Amino acid sequence: MAGLLILGVIVAIFLLYAADRAVKARARARRLSRMNRRLAAATARAEEQQAERQAADAASAELTSVMPAINLRPPVTPPDRRGRASAP
């Protein structure tokens, strides 16, 4: 009779351990699932922002191909001021 009692306690301990592991595994699976959803959403946002940047770069390139002088820097002093700056 004592042997059955000891065996019952051992089985109960084993079942409690298995239940604890199962609960932890389910919690870990839920956490990983939430992380995957957040990562997918962040990836989608980053791809959308990258597409917007590429569209803006393409629009800028098209504009400068029509008007190439946009990329030229203006002179530091206007051309008509050079002669007057040296004169008193």
N, C-alpha and C. Protein backbone atom coordinates (compact mmCIF):
# COMPACT_ATOMS: atom_id res chain seq x y z
N MET A 1 0.81 -1.19 0.00
CA MET A 1 0.00 0.00 0.00
C MET A 1 0.86 1.27 0.00
N ALA A 2 1.95 1.26 0.73
CA ALA A 2 2.85 2.41 0.77
C ALA A 2 3.50 2.61 -0.59
N GLY A 3 3.77 1.50 -1.28
CA GLY A 3 4.36 1.58 -2.62
C GLY A 3 3.43 2.29 -3.60
N LEU A 4 2.12 2.02 -3.51
CA LEU A 4 1.16 2.69 -4.39
C LEU A 4 1.07 4.18 -4.06
N LEU A 5 1.16 4.51 -2.79
CA LEU A 5 1.11 5.91 -2.38
C LEU A 5 2.32 6.67 -2.92
N ILE A 6 3.49 6.08 -2.83
CA ILE A 6 4.72 6.70 -3.35
C ILE A 6 4.62 6.84 -4.86
N LEU A 7 4.14 5.79 -5.53
CA LEU A 7 3.97 5.83 -6.98
C LEU A 7 2.97 6.92 -7.37
N GLY A 8 1.90 7.06 -6.62
CA GLY A 8 0.90 8.11 -6.89
C GLY A 8 1.49 9.50 -6.74
N VAL A 9 2.32 9.71 -5.72
CA VAL A 9 2.97 11.01 -5.52
C VAL A 9 3.93 11.30 -6.68
N ILE A 10 4.67 10.31 -7.10
CA ILE A 10 5.62 10.49 -8.21
C ILE A 10 4.86 10.83 -9.49
N VAL A 11 3.78 10.13 -9.76
CA VAL A 11 2.97 10.40 -10.96
C VAL A 11 2.37 11.80 -10.88
N ALA A 12 1.89 12.21 -9.71
CA ALA A 12 1.32 13.54 -9.54
C ALA A 12 2.38 14.62 -9.79
N ILE A 13 3.58 14.40 -9.28
CA ILE A 13 4.68 15.36 -9.50
C ILE A 13 5.00 15.44 -10.99
N PHE A 14 5.07 14.28 -11.64
CA PHE A 14 5.34 14.25 -13.08
C PHE A 14 4.25 14.99 -13.86
N LEU A 15 2.98 14.78 -13.51
CA LEU A 15 1.88 15.44 -14.21
C LEU A 15 1.91 16.96 -13.99
N LEU A 16 2.23 17.38 -12.77
CA LEU A 16 2.34 18.81 -12.50
C LEU A 16 3.49 19.44 -13.30
N TYR A 17 4.60 18.73 -13.39
CA TYR A 17 5.74 19.22 -14.18
C TYR A 17 5.36 19.32 -15.65
N ALA A 18 4.69 18.30 -16.18
CA ALA A 18 4.28 18.32 -17.59
C ALA A 18 3.29 19.45 -17.85
N ALA A 19 2.36 19.67 -16.92
CA ALA A 19 1.39 20.76 -17.09
C ALA A 19 2.10 22.12 -17.06
N ASP A 20 3.08 22.28 -16.19
CA ASP A 20 3.84 23.53 -16.12
C ASP A 20 4.58 23.78 -17.43
N ARG A 21 5.22 22.76 -17.97
CA ARG A 21 5.94 22.90 -19.25
C ARG A 21 4.98 23.25 -20.38
N ALA A 22 3.78 22.64 -20.37
CA ALA A 22 2.79 22.92 -21.42
C ALA A 22 2.31 24.37 -21.34
N VAL A 23 2.08 24.86 -20.14
CA VAL A 23 1.64 26.26 -19.97
C VAL A 23 2.73 27.21 -20.44
N LYS A 24 3.96 26.93 -20.08
CA LYS A 24 5.07 27.79 -20.51
C LYS A 24 5.25 27.76 -22.03
N ALA A 25 5.08 26.60 -22.63
CA ALA A 25 5.21 26.47 -24.09
C ALA A 25 4.12 27.27 -24.79
N ARG A 26 2.89 27.22 -24.28
CA ARG A 26 1.80 27.99 -24.89
C ARG A 26 2.06 29.48 -24.75
N ALA A 27 2.55 29.91 -23.59
CA ALA A 27 2.86 31.33 -23.39
C ALA A 27 3.96 31.78 -24.34
N ARG A 28 4.97 30.96 -24.51
CA ARG A 28 6.06 31.30 -25.43
C ARG A 28 5.54 31.37 -26.86
N ALA A 29 4.67 30.46 -27.25
CA ALA A 29 4.10 30.46 -28.61
C ALA A 29 3.27 31.72 -28.84
N ARG A 30 2.47 32.14 -27.85
CA ARG A 30 1.69 33.37 -27.99
C ARG A 30 2.61 34.58 -28.12
N ARG A 31 3.65 34.62 -27.31
CA ARG A 31 4.59 35.74 -27.36
C ARG A 31 5.29 35.81 -28.72
N LEU A 32 5.72 34.67 -29.23
CA LEU A 32 6.38 34.65 -30.54
C LEU A 32 5.40 35.06 -31.65
N SER A 33 4.16 34.65 -31.53
CA SER A 33 3.16 35.02 -32.52
C SER A 33 2.93 36.53 -32.53
N ARG A 34 2.84 37.14 -31.35
CA ARG A 34 2.68 38.59 -31.28
C ARG A 34 3.90 39.30 -31.86
N MET A 35 5.08 38.79 -31.55
CA MET A 35 6.30 39.39 -32.08
C MET A 35 6.34 39.29 -33.60
N ASN A 36 5.91 38.16 -34.15
CA ASN A 36 5.90 38.00 -35.61
C ASN A 36 4.92 38.96 -36.26
N ARG A 37 3.76 39.17 -35.64
CA ARG A 37 2.79 40.12 -36.20
C ARG A 37 3.34 41.54 -36.18
N ARG A 38 3.98 41.92 -35.06
CA ARG A 38 4.57 43.26 -34.98
C ARG A 38 5.69 43.43 -35.99
N LEU A 39 6.51 42.40 -36.15
CA LEU A 39 7.61 42.47 -37.11
C LEU A 39 7.08 42.58 -38.54
N ALA A 40 6.02 41.85 -38.86
CA ALA A 40 5.43 41.93 -40.20
C ALA A 40 4.87 43.33 -40.44
N ALA A 41 4.22 43.91 -39.44
CA ALA A 41 3.67 45.26 -39.59
C ALA A 41 4.79 46.29 -39.77
N ALA A 42 5.86 46.14 -39.01
CA ALA A 42 7.00 47.07 -39.14
C ALA A 42 7.66 46.93 -40.51
N THR A 43 7.76 45.70 -40.99
CA THR A 43 8.35 45.47 -42.31
C THR A 43 7.49 46.11 -43.39
N ALA A 44 6.18 45.97 -43.28
CA ALA A 44 5.28 46.58 -44.26
C ALA A 44 5.40 48.10 -44.24
N ARG A 45 5.47 48.69 -43.03
CA ARG A 45 5.65 50.15 -42.94
C ARG A 45 6.97 50.58 -43.56
N ALA A 46 8.04 49.85 -43.29
CA ALA A 46 9.36 50.21 -43.83
C ALA A 46 9.36 50.10 -45.35
N GLU A 47 8.73 49.07 -45.88
CA GLU A 47 8.66 48.92 -47.34
C GLU A 47 7.85 50.05 -47.96
N GLU A 48 6.78 50.45 -47.29
CA GLU A 48 5.97 51.56 -47.80
C GLU A 48 6.76 52.87 -47.79
N GLN A 49 7.49 53.12 -46.71
CA GLN A 49 8.31 54.33 -46.64
C GLN A 49 9.41 54.31 -47.69
N GLN A 50 10.01 53.14 -47.92
CA GLN A 50 11.05 53.03 -48.93
C GLN A 50 10.47 53.30 -50.31
N ALA A 51 9.28 52.80 -50.59
CA ALA A 51 8.64 53.05 -51.88
C ALA A 51 8.35 54.54 -52.05
N GLU A 52 7.90 55.20 -50.98
CA GLU A 52 7.66 56.65 -51.05
C GLU A 52 8.95 57.41 -51.32
N ARG A 53 10.04 57.01 -50.65
CA ARG A 53 11.34 57.67 -50.89
C ARG A 53 11.80 57.48 -52.33
N GLN A 54 11.64 56.26 -52.83
CA GLN A 54 12.06 56.00 -54.21
C GLN A 54 11.21 56.80 -55.19
N ALA A 55 9.92 56.93 -54.91
CA ALA A 55 9.06 57.73 -55.78
C ALA A 55 9.48 59.20 -55.74
N ALA A 56 9.81 59.70 -54.56
CA ALA A 56 10.26 61.09 -54.44
C ALA A 56 11.59 61.30 -55.16
N ASP A 57 12.50 60.34 -55.04
CA ASP A 57 13.78 60.44 -55.75
C ASP A 57 13.57 60.41 -57.26
N ALA A 58 12.67 59.55 -57.71
CA ALA A 58 12.40 59.46 -59.15
C ALA A 58 11.78 60.77 -59.64
N ALA A 59 10.86 61.34 -58.88
CA ALA A 59 10.25 62.62 -59.27
C ALA A 59 11.29 63.72 -59.31
N SER A 60 12.20 63.72 -58.36
CA SER A 60 13.26 64.72 -58.33
C SER A 60 14.18 64.56 -59.54
N ALA A 61 14.51 63.31 -59.87
CA ALA A 61 15.37 63.06 -61.02
C ALA A 61 14.68 63.49 -62.32
N GLU A 62 13.38 63.24 -62.42
CA GLU A 62 12.66 63.66 -63.62
C GLU A 62 12.62 65.18 -63.72
N LEU A 63 12.46 65.86 -62.59
CA LEU A 63 12.41 67.31 -62.61
C LEU A 63 13.76 67.88 -63.02
N THR A 64 14.85 67.35 -62.51
CA THR A 64 16.17 67.87 -62.88
C THR A 64 16.55 67.48 -64.29
N SER A 65 15.95 66.44 -64.87
CA SER A 65 16.24 66.13 -66.26
C SER A 65 15.55 67.13 -67.17
N VAL A 66 14.43 67.71 -66.74
CA VAL A 66 13.74 68.74 -67.51
C VAL A 66 14.43 70.09 -67.30
N MET A 67 14.82 70.36 -66.09
CA MET A 67 15.45 71.64 -65.76
C MET A 67 16.81 71.35 -65.10
N PRO A 68 17.85 71.09 -65.89
CA PRO A 68 19.14 70.71 -65.30
C PRO A 68 19.80 71.80 -64.48
N ALA A 69 19.42 73.04 -64.64
CA ALA A 69 20.05 74.12 -63.89
C ALA A 69 19.66 74.09 -62.42
N ILE A 70 18.71 73.28 -62.04
CA ILE A 70 18.30 73.21 -60.64
C ILE A 70 19.47 72.75 -59.77
N ASN A 71 20.30 71.86 -60.29
CA ASN A 71 21.40 71.33 -59.50
C ASN A 71 22.59 72.27 -59.42
N LEU A 72 22.62 73.33 -60.21
CA LEU A 72 23.74 74.26 -60.17
C LEU A 72 23.61 75.15 -58.94
N ARG A 73 24.74 75.39 -58.29
CA ARG A 73 24.72 76.27 -57.11
C ARG A 73 24.81 77.71 -57.58
N PRO A 74 24.11 78.62 -56.95
CA PRO A 74 24.21 80.04 -57.34
C PRO A 74 25.57 80.59 -56.90
N PRO A 75 26.06 81.61 -57.58
CA PRO A 75 27.34 82.20 -57.16
C PRO A 75 27.20 82.84 -55.78
N VAL A 76 28.33 82.96 -55.11
CA VAL A 76 28.32 83.52 -53.76
C VAL A 76 27.90 84.98 -53.80
N THR A 77 28.43 85.75 -54.75
CA THR A 77 28.02 87.15 -54.92
C THR A 77 27.40 87.29 -56.30
N PRO A 78 26.41 88.11 -56.44
CA PRO A 78 25.82 88.31 -57.77
C PRO A 78 26.85 88.89 -58.74
N PRO A 79 26.76 88.57 -60.02
CA PRO A 79 27.77 89.02 -60.99
C PRO A 79 27.89 90.54 -61.05
N ASP A 80 26.82 91.29 -60.90
CA ASP A 80 26.90 92.75 -61.01
C ASP A 80 27.56 93.37 -59.77
N ARG A 81 27.73 92.66 -58.69
CA ARG A 81 28.31 93.20 -57.46
C ARG A 81 29.84 93.09 -57.44
N ARG A 82 30.41 92.29 -58.29
CA ARG A 82 31.87 92.11 -58.24
C ARG A 82 32.61 93.39 -58.57
N GLY A 83 32.17 94.05 -59.58
CA GLY A 83 32.84 95.29 -59.99
C GLY A 83 32.66 96.40 -58.97
N ARG A 84 31.54 96.49 -58.35
CA ARG A 84 31.27 97.54 -57.38
C ARG A 84 31.97 97.30 -56.04
N ALA A 85 32.21 96.04 -55.69
CA ALA A 85 32.86 95.75 -54.42
C ALA A 85 34.28 96.26 -54.40
N SER A 86 34.99 96.22 -55.53
CA SER A 86 36.38 96.69 -55.57
C SER A 86 36.43 98.22 -55.73
N ALA A 87 35.38 98.84 -56.23
CA ALA A 87 35.36 100.30 -56.38
C ALA A 87 34.99 100.95 -55.05
N PRO A 88 35.57 102.14 -54.77
CA PRO A 88 35.26 102.82 -53.50
C PRO A 88 33.88 103.38 -53.42
